[in-house]
N, C-alpha and C. Protein backbone atom coordinates (compact mmCIF):
# COMPACT_ATOMS: atom_id res chain seq x y z
N MET A 1 5.32 10.36 -17.86
CA MET A 1 6.47 10.06 -18.12
C MET A 1 7.74 10.60 -17.58
N ARG A 2 8.79 9.90 -17.03
CA ARG A 2 9.91 9.59 -16.26
C ARG A 2 11.13 9.29 -17.24
N ASN A 3 11.91 10.05 -17.54
CA ASN A 3 13.07 9.44 -18.14
C ASN A 3 14.29 9.65 -17.87
N GLY A 4 15.20 8.93 -17.80
CA GLY A 4 16.68 9.14 -17.17
C GLY A 4 17.35 8.25 -17.26
N GLY A 5 18.73 8.48 -16.67
CA GLY A 5 19.64 7.18 -16.70
C GLY A 5 20.64 7.19 -15.41
N SER A 6 21.35 6.45 -15.23
CA SER A 6 22.07 6.24 -14.27
C SER A 6 23.49 5.77 -14.84
N LYS A 7 24.44 5.41 -14.22
CA LYS A 7 25.79 4.83 -14.96
C LYS A 7 25.57 3.35 -15.22
N TYR A 8 24.60 2.90 -14.50
CA TYR A 8 24.27 1.47 -14.79
C TYR A 8 23.43 1.17 -15.81
N GLN A 9 22.17 2.08 -16.06
CA GLN A 9 21.37 1.70 -16.73
C GLN A 9 20.35 2.93 -17.31
N ASP A 10 19.51 2.80 -18.41
CA ASP A 10 18.70 3.62 -18.56
C ASP A 10 17.34 3.16 -18.31
N VAL A 11 16.64 4.47 -17.43
CA VAL A 11 15.37 4.09 -16.81
C VAL A 11 14.35 5.02 -17.33
N LEU A 12 13.28 4.36 -17.77
CA LEU A 12 12.08 4.88 -18.18
C LEU A 12 10.87 4.65 -17.50
N VAL A 13 9.80 5.53 -17.12
CA VAL A 13 8.67 5.00 -16.25
C VAL A 13 7.68 5.75 -17.16
N PHE A 14 6.77 5.18 -17.56
CA PHE A 14 5.31 5.75 -18.34
C PHE A 14 4.06 5.21 -17.64
N LYS A 15 3.22 6.09 -17.85
CA LYS A 15 1.79 5.41 -17.99
C LYS A 15 1.22 4.92 -19.09
N SER A 16 0.86 3.74 -19.00
CA SER A 16 -0.08 2.84 -19.85
C SER A 16 -1.70 3.12 -19.90
N THR A 17 -2.39 3.08 -20.59
CA THR A 17 -3.74 3.02 -20.26
C THR A 17 -4.03 1.65 -20.28
N ASP A 18 -3.89 0.99 -20.65
CA ASP A 18 -3.70 -0.48 -20.20
C ASP A 18 -3.23 -1.37 -19.14
N TYR A 19 -1.87 -0.85 -18.82
CA TYR A 19 -1.16 -1.58 -18.02
C TYR A 19 -0.97 -0.26 -16.92
N GLY A 20 -1.20 0.69 -16.51
CA GLY A 20 -0.68 1.45 -15.68
C GLY A 20 0.47 2.00 -15.96
N HIS A 21 1.62 2.25 -14.90
CA HIS A 21 2.73 2.31 -14.76
C HIS A 21 3.46 1.45 -15.53
N VAL A 22 4.74 1.91 -16.17
CA VAL A 22 5.23 0.82 -16.94
C VAL A 22 6.91 1.07 -16.73
N LEU A 23 7.75 -0.09 -16.21
CA LEU A 23 9.34 0.23 -15.81
C LEU A 23 9.83 -0.28 -16.89
N VAL A 24 10.92 0.43 -17.38
CA VAL A 24 11.39 -0.20 -18.81
C VAL A 24 12.99 0.28 -18.26
N LEU A 25 13.54 -1.00 -18.49
CA LEU A 25 15.27 -0.46 -18.49
C LEU A 25 15.64 -0.84 -19.33
N ASP A 26 16.69 -0.39 -20.10
CA ASP A 26 17.62 -0.54 -21.22
C ASP A 26 16.46 -0.90 -22.35
N ASN A 27 15.56 -0.01 -22.32
CA ASN A 27 14.40 -0.35 -23.60
C ASN A 27 13.85 -1.72 -23.39
N VAL A 28 13.64 -2.48 -22.17
CA VAL A 28 13.28 -3.89 -22.02
C VAL A 28 12.31 -3.60 -21.11
N ILE A 29 10.80 -3.76 -21.12
CA ILE A 29 9.81 -3.78 -19.97
C ILE A 29 10.46 -4.64 -18.76
N GLN A 30 10.33 -4.18 -17.72
CA GLN A 30 10.80 -5.16 -16.38
C GLN A 30 9.17 -5.45 -15.66
N CYS A 31 8.44 -4.39 -15.40
CA CYS A 31 7.17 -4.85 -14.65
C CYS A 31 6.21 -3.39 -15.34
N THR A 32 4.85 -3.91 -14.94
CA THR A 32 3.86 -3.00 -15.20
C THR A 32 2.86 -3.12 -13.81
N GLU A 33 2.46 -1.75 -13.52
CA GLU A 33 1.41 -2.07 -12.65
C GLU A 33 0.55 -2.71 -12.42
N ARG A 34 -0.09 -3.15 -13.94
CA ARG A 34 -1.28 -4.09 -13.55
C ARG A 34 -0.94 -5.44 -13.15
N ASP A 35 0.35 -6.03 -13.89
CA ASP A 35 0.40 -7.29 -13.63
C ASP A 35 1.84 -7.44 -12.64
N GLU A 36 2.73 -6.77 -12.09
CA GLU A 36 3.85 -6.96 -11.29
C GLU A 36 3.65 -7.84 -10.28
N PHE A 37 2.56 -7.97 -9.84
CA PHE A 37 2.22 -8.49 -8.51
C PHE A 37 2.61 -10.19 -8.61
N SER A 38 2.43 -10.40 -9.93
CA SER A 38 2.45 -12.22 -10.23
C SER A 38 3.95 -12.16 -10.21
N TYR A 39 5.03 -11.77 -10.71
CA TYR A 39 6.36 -12.09 -10.51
C TYR A 39 6.73 -11.61 -8.98
N GLN A 40 6.58 -10.79 -8.57
CA GLN A 40 6.89 -10.12 -7.21
C GLN A 40 6.37 -11.38 -6.59
N GLU A 41 5.33 -11.85 -6.51
CA GLU A 41 4.92 -12.87 -5.36
C GLU A 41 5.41 -14.20 -5.96
N MET A 42 5.72 -14.69 -6.84
CA MET A 42 6.66 -16.19 -7.18
C MET A 42 7.85 -16.01 -6.67
N ILE A 43 8.56 -14.76 -6.92
CA ILE A 43 9.66 -14.61 -6.39
C ILE A 43 9.75 -14.90 -4.69
N ALA A 44 9.19 -13.91 -4.17
CA ALA A 44 9.57 -14.11 -2.74
C ALA A 44 8.60 -15.22 -2.37
N HIS A 45 7.19 -15.38 -2.43
CA HIS A 45 6.88 -16.52 -1.76
C HIS A 45 6.98 -17.75 -1.82
N LEU A 46 7.45 -18.17 -3.09
CA LEU A 46 8.17 -19.62 -3.34
C LEU A 46 9.48 -19.67 -2.33
N ALA A 47 10.32 -18.64 -2.39
CA ALA A 47 11.46 -18.93 -1.73
C ALA A 47 11.21 -18.96 -0.14
N LEU A 48 10.24 -18.19 0.18
CA LEU A 48 10.05 -17.87 1.75
C LEU A 48 9.54 -19.07 2.33
N ASN A 49 8.39 -19.81 1.70
CA ASN A 49 7.52 -21.10 1.92
C ASN A 49 8.37 -22.44 1.46
N SER A 50 9.73 -22.18 1.19
CA SER A 50 10.13 -23.15 0.89
C SER A 50 11.40 -23.66 1.83
N HIS A 51 11.75 -22.29 2.86
CA HIS A 51 12.42 -22.34 4.29
C HIS A 51 11.93 -22.74 5.42
N PRO A 52 12.45 -23.56 6.07
CA PRO A 52 11.50 -23.55 7.55
C PRO A 52 11.43 -22.50 8.32
N ASN A 53 12.24 -21.52 8.44
CA ASN A 53 12.08 -20.53 9.17
C ASN A 53 12.81 -19.35 8.66
N PRO A 54 12.58 -18.79 7.62
CA PRO A 54 13.22 -17.56 7.49
C PRO A 54 12.95 -16.54 8.25
N LYS A 55 14.18 -15.87 8.91
CA LYS A 55 14.04 -14.80 9.74
C LYS A 55 14.87 -13.80 9.12
N LYS A 56 15.74 -13.56 8.12
CA LYS A 56 16.83 -12.78 7.79
C LYS A 56 16.41 -12.73 5.95
N VAL A 57 16.31 -11.74 5.38
CA VAL A 57 16.48 -12.03 4.10
C VAL A 57 16.78 -10.81 3.33
N LEU A 58 17.96 -11.06 2.28
CA LEU A 58 18.60 -10.14 1.53
C LEU A 58 18.07 -10.37 0.01
N VAL A 59 17.52 -9.15 -0.50
CA VAL A 59 17.08 -9.13 -1.44
C VAL A 59 17.87 -8.60 -2.71
N ILE A 60 18.51 -9.11 -3.53
CA ILE A 60 19.87 -8.64 -4.30
C ILE A 60 19.05 -8.27 -5.56
N GLY A 61 19.17 -6.87 -6.10
CA GLY A 61 18.62 -6.52 -7.11
C GLY A 61 17.27 -6.25 -6.57
N GLY A 62 16.31 -6.26 -7.87
CA GLY A 62 14.90 -5.39 -7.12
C GLY A 62 14.70 -4.41 -6.57
N GLY A 63 15.24 -3.40 -7.47
CA GLY A 63 15.19 -1.71 -6.91
C GLY A 63 13.90 -1.38 -6.77
N ASP A 64 13.04 -1.94 -7.86
CA ASP A 64 11.59 -1.24 -7.76
C ASP A 64 11.12 -1.54 -6.45
N GLY A 65 11.41 -2.32 -5.67
CA GLY A 65 10.70 -2.79 -3.87
C GLY A 65 9.63 -3.67 -4.38
N GLY A 66 9.41 -4.55 -5.32
CA GLY A 66 8.00 -5.22 -5.33
C GLY A 66 8.37 -6.54 -4.63
N VAL A 67 9.45 -7.07 -4.80
CA VAL A 67 10.01 -8.36 -4.18
C VAL A 67 9.72 -8.00 -2.38
N LEU A 68 10.33 -6.89 -2.03
CA LEU A 68 10.86 -6.88 -0.74
C LEU A 68 9.37 -6.39 -0.24
N ARG A 69 8.50 -5.87 -0.76
CA ARG A 69 6.84 -5.64 -0.17
C ARG A 69 6.46 -6.80 0.13
N GLU A 70 6.86 -8.23 -0.52
CA GLU A 70 6.33 -9.03 -0.57
C GLU A 70 7.00 -9.76 0.42
N VAL A 71 8.15 -10.12 0.64
CA VAL A 71 8.71 -10.65 1.63
C VAL A 71 8.29 -9.90 3.20
N VAL A 72 7.97 -8.91 3.21
CA VAL A 72 7.78 -8.42 4.65
C VAL A 72 6.62 -8.90 5.06
N LYS A 73 5.51 -9.47 4.17
CA LYS A 73 4.20 -9.65 4.49
C LYS A 73 4.30 -10.93 5.48
N HIS A 74 5.57 -11.73 5.53
CA HIS A 74 5.43 -13.00 6.14
C HIS A 74 6.25 -12.67 7.63
N ASP A 75 5.17 -12.82 8.59
CA ASP A 75 5.13 -12.55 9.94
C ASP A 75 6.81 -13.14 10.75
N CYS A 76 7.25 -14.42 10.39
CA CYS A 76 8.29 -14.98 10.64
C CYS A 76 9.54 -14.15 9.81
N VAL A 77 9.57 -13.48 9.62
CA VAL A 77 10.77 -12.56 8.60
C VAL A 77 10.88 -11.14 9.45
N GLU A 78 12.24 -11.35 10.20
CA GLU A 78 12.69 -10.08 11.71
C GLU A 78 13.30 -8.94 10.59
N GLU A 79 13.95 -9.40 9.47
CA GLU A 79 14.87 -8.65 9.06
C GLU A 79 14.90 -8.50 7.65
N ALA A 80 14.73 -7.50 6.82
CA ALA A 80 14.49 -7.82 5.33
C ALA A 80 15.61 -6.66 4.79
N ILE A 81 16.45 -6.71 3.92
CA ILE A 81 17.17 -6.10 3.33
C ILE A 81 17.02 -5.84 1.83
N LEU A 82 17.34 -4.75 1.34
CA LEU A 82 17.23 -4.87 -0.22
C LEU A 82 18.63 -4.08 -0.68
N CYS A 83 19.43 -4.71 -1.42
CA CYS A 83 20.62 -4.27 -1.86
C CYS A 83 20.30 -4.21 -3.45
N ASP A 84 20.54 -2.96 -4.20
CA ASP A 84 20.64 -2.85 -5.65
C ASP A 84 21.43 -1.61 -5.98
N ILE A 85 22.23 -2.07 -6.64
CA ILE A 85 23.52 -1.01 -7.59
C ILE A 85 23.07 0.32 -7.96
N ASP A 86 21.63 0.15 -8.46
CA ASP A 86 21.24 1.74 -8.58
C ASP A 86 20.25 2.05 -7.94
N ARG A 87 20.48 3.51 -7.65
CA ARG A 87 19.67 3.91 -6.48
C ARG A 87 18.43 4.75 -6.90
N ARG A 88 18.63 5.02 -8.43
CA ARG A 88 18.19 5.65 -9.25
C ARG A 88 16.45 4.90 -9.26
N LEU A 89 17.04 3.86 -9.74
CA LEU A 89 16.04 2.61 -10.21
C LEU A 89 14.97 2.68 -8.73
N GLU A 90 15.55 2.69 -7.65
CA GLU A 90 14.92 2.48 -6.30
C GLU A 90 13.62 3.60 -6.00
N MET A 91 14.51 4.86 -6.10
CA MET A 91 13.67 6.33 -6.24
C MET A 91 12.47 6.36 -7.52
N ALA A 92 12.70 5.77 -8.75
CA ALA A 92 11.76 5.52 -9.25
C ALA A 92 10.53 4.93 -8.90
N GLY A 93 10.85 3.55 -8.51
CA GLY A 93 10.27 2.68 -8.26
C GLY A 93 9.14 3.31 -6.87
N LYS A 94 9.46 3.85 -5.74
CA LYS A 94 8.81 4.86 -4.99
C LYS A 94 8.09 5.54 -5.64
N LYS A 95 8.76 6.24 -6.44
CA LYS A 95 7.48 7.29 -6.72
C LYS A 95 6.29 7.01 -7.84
N THR A 96 6.19 5.61 -8.39
CA THR A 96 5.46 5.36 -9.05
C THR A 96 4.65 4.17 -9.22
N ILE A 97 5.35 3.03 -8.84
CA ILE A 97 4.99 1.74 -8.95
C ILE A 97 4.65 1.17 -8.09
């Protein structure tokens, strides 16, 4: 279990027997290792498939990196940038989810 906070939010990451790693922000579950892909895929692929030729993508928020992971699966994307206010969340995502 990793528990910490930043000036923006409380961050908790723990391991669940049923859901794998669980990311909790300000006491609200954000995603789990078991089912995070469904949320991330819908956000990324729906938007990118609705655009005729997406070359540059800016992900605002999404510090866990899941949406960015899905965005770069599209061959047409030449540049993808993740912008999140909280670097601690990005680091927690890299270590666990």
